[in-house]
Structure formats: structure tokens, C-alpha cells
Protein backbone atom coordinates (compact mmCIF):
# COMPACT_ATOMS: atom_id res chain seq x y z
CA MET A 1 -17.61 29.26 17.80
CA LYS A 2 -17.68 26.33 15.35
CA ALA A 3 -15.71 23.22 15.28
CA ILE A 4 -15.19 22.22 11.64
CA LYS A 5 -13.17 19.57 10.18
CA THR A 6 -10.47 20.35 7.43
CA GLY A 7 -13.08 18.70 4.50
CA ASP A 8 -15.58 20.87 5.11
CA LEU A 9 -13.41 23.78 5.32
CA THR A 10 -12.38 22.78 1.61
CA SER A 11 -15.84 21.78 0.26
CA ARG A 12 -17.61 25.02 1.83
CA THR A 13 -15.01 27.97 1.78
CA LYS A 14 -16.93 30.41 0.57
CA GLU A 15 -19.73 30.18 3.39
CA TYR A 16 -16.89 29.40 6.00
CA LEU A 17 -15.22 33.17 4.62
CA ASP A 18 -18.58 34.42 4.84
CA GLU A 19 -19.44 33.56 8.29
CA ALA A 20 -16.06 34.68 9.60
CA ALA A 21 -16.51 37.86 8.05
CA GLY A 22 -19.52 38.26 10.15
CA GLY A 23 -17.62 37.50 13.43
CA GLU A 24 -18.33 33.96 13.42
CA THR A 25 -15.27 31.96 14.71
CA PHE A 26 -13.93 28.40 14.09
CA ILE A 27 -11.82 25.62 15.29
CA ILE A 28 -10.49 23.41 12.26
CA SER A 29 -9.90 20.23 13.59
CA ARG A 30 -6.73 18.87 12.34
CA PRO A 31 -4.77 15.32 12.93
CA ARG A 32 -2.61 14.71 16.52
CA ASN A 33 -4.43 17.92 17.63
CA HIS A 34 -2.66 20.46 15.55
CA ASN A 35 -5.97 22.55 15.47
CA VAL A 36 -6.54 26.00 13.90
CA VAL A 37 -8.78 29.12 14.70
CA PHE A 38 -10.03 31.23 11.98
CA LEU A 39 -11.44 34.25 12.55
CA SER A 40 -12.03 37.51 10.86
CA GLU A 41 -8.92 40.22 10.65
CA GLU A 42 -11.32 42.41 12.61
CA SER A 43 -11.92 39.98 15.52
CA TYR A 44 -8.12 39.12 15.34
CA ASN A 45 -7.14 43.12 15.25
CA LEU A 46 -9.72 43.42 18.80
CA MET A 47 -7.93 40.45 20.21
CA ARG A 48 -4.22 41.48 19.01
CA LYS A 49 -5.50 45.25 20.91
CA ALA A 50 -6.41 43.73 23.89
CA ALA A 51 -3.30 41.51 24.55
CA GLU A 52 -1.36 44.53 24.14
CA LEU A 53 -3.26 46.56 26.72
CA GLY A 54 -3.50 43.86 29.22
CA GLN A 55 0.47 43.41 29.16
CA PRO A 56 1.32 46.31 31.26
CA ILE A 57 -0.90 45.74 33.73
CA LEU A 58 0.25 42.37 34.19
CA GLU A 59 3.88 43.56 34.20
CA LYS A 60 2.56 46.02 37.09
CA LYS A 61 1.03 43.42 39.30
CA GLN A 62 4.11 41.38 38.79
CA ARG A 63 6.15 44.26 39.81
CA LYS A 64 4.09 44.83 42.78
CA MET A 65 3.91 41.39 44.07
CA GLU A 66 8.18 41.23 43.72
CA ARG A 67 8.35 44.51 45.78
CA GLU A 68 5.68 43.22 48.49
CA THR A 69 7.98 39.61 48.56
CA GLU A 70 11.33 42.19 49.00
CA LEU A 71 9.83 44.05 52.38
CA LEU A 72 8.38 40.82 53.73
CA ALA A 73 12.10 39.01 53.16
CA ALA A 74 13.41 42.31 54.49
CA GLN A 75 10.91 42.53 57.72
CA ALA A 76 11.98 38.59 58.19
């Protein structure tokens, strides 16, 4: 991952686009910490897919914890 400034992106756009297409990820620094992440479509799609697959797992764990809490409360 590389950190760049907005001005660098403006002056070297093609170079950064080529690097991003090759798998590099960039953080573009902006004023007041309103930074932007710049990555390839392939990387973005993989990230989205991972997030979609992870969501049901998290929900399942949360439901299990809620059931365990209810059982403990019922035993008290």
C-alpha cells in the first residue's frame, strides 16, 4: 500500500492507474483526514465478496451468543 498526495495523483495519474490495475493499493491523503483509498476493480470485487461471505458468519456467531446469554439468564 502506498500513500500519495492529491497533487501527486494529478501529476502522475497514468502511472498510478497502471500500478493500481497491477494490484497496488493507494491511500490518497486529503485535508482534514478525509482520505480516499484507490484500488483496482478486481481488488474491490474480492473485498466485497469477502465482506458478503463474512456477514452470515458474524450473524450466526451473534445469534449463538444471544442464545447462550438467554440460557444463562434462565438458569439464574
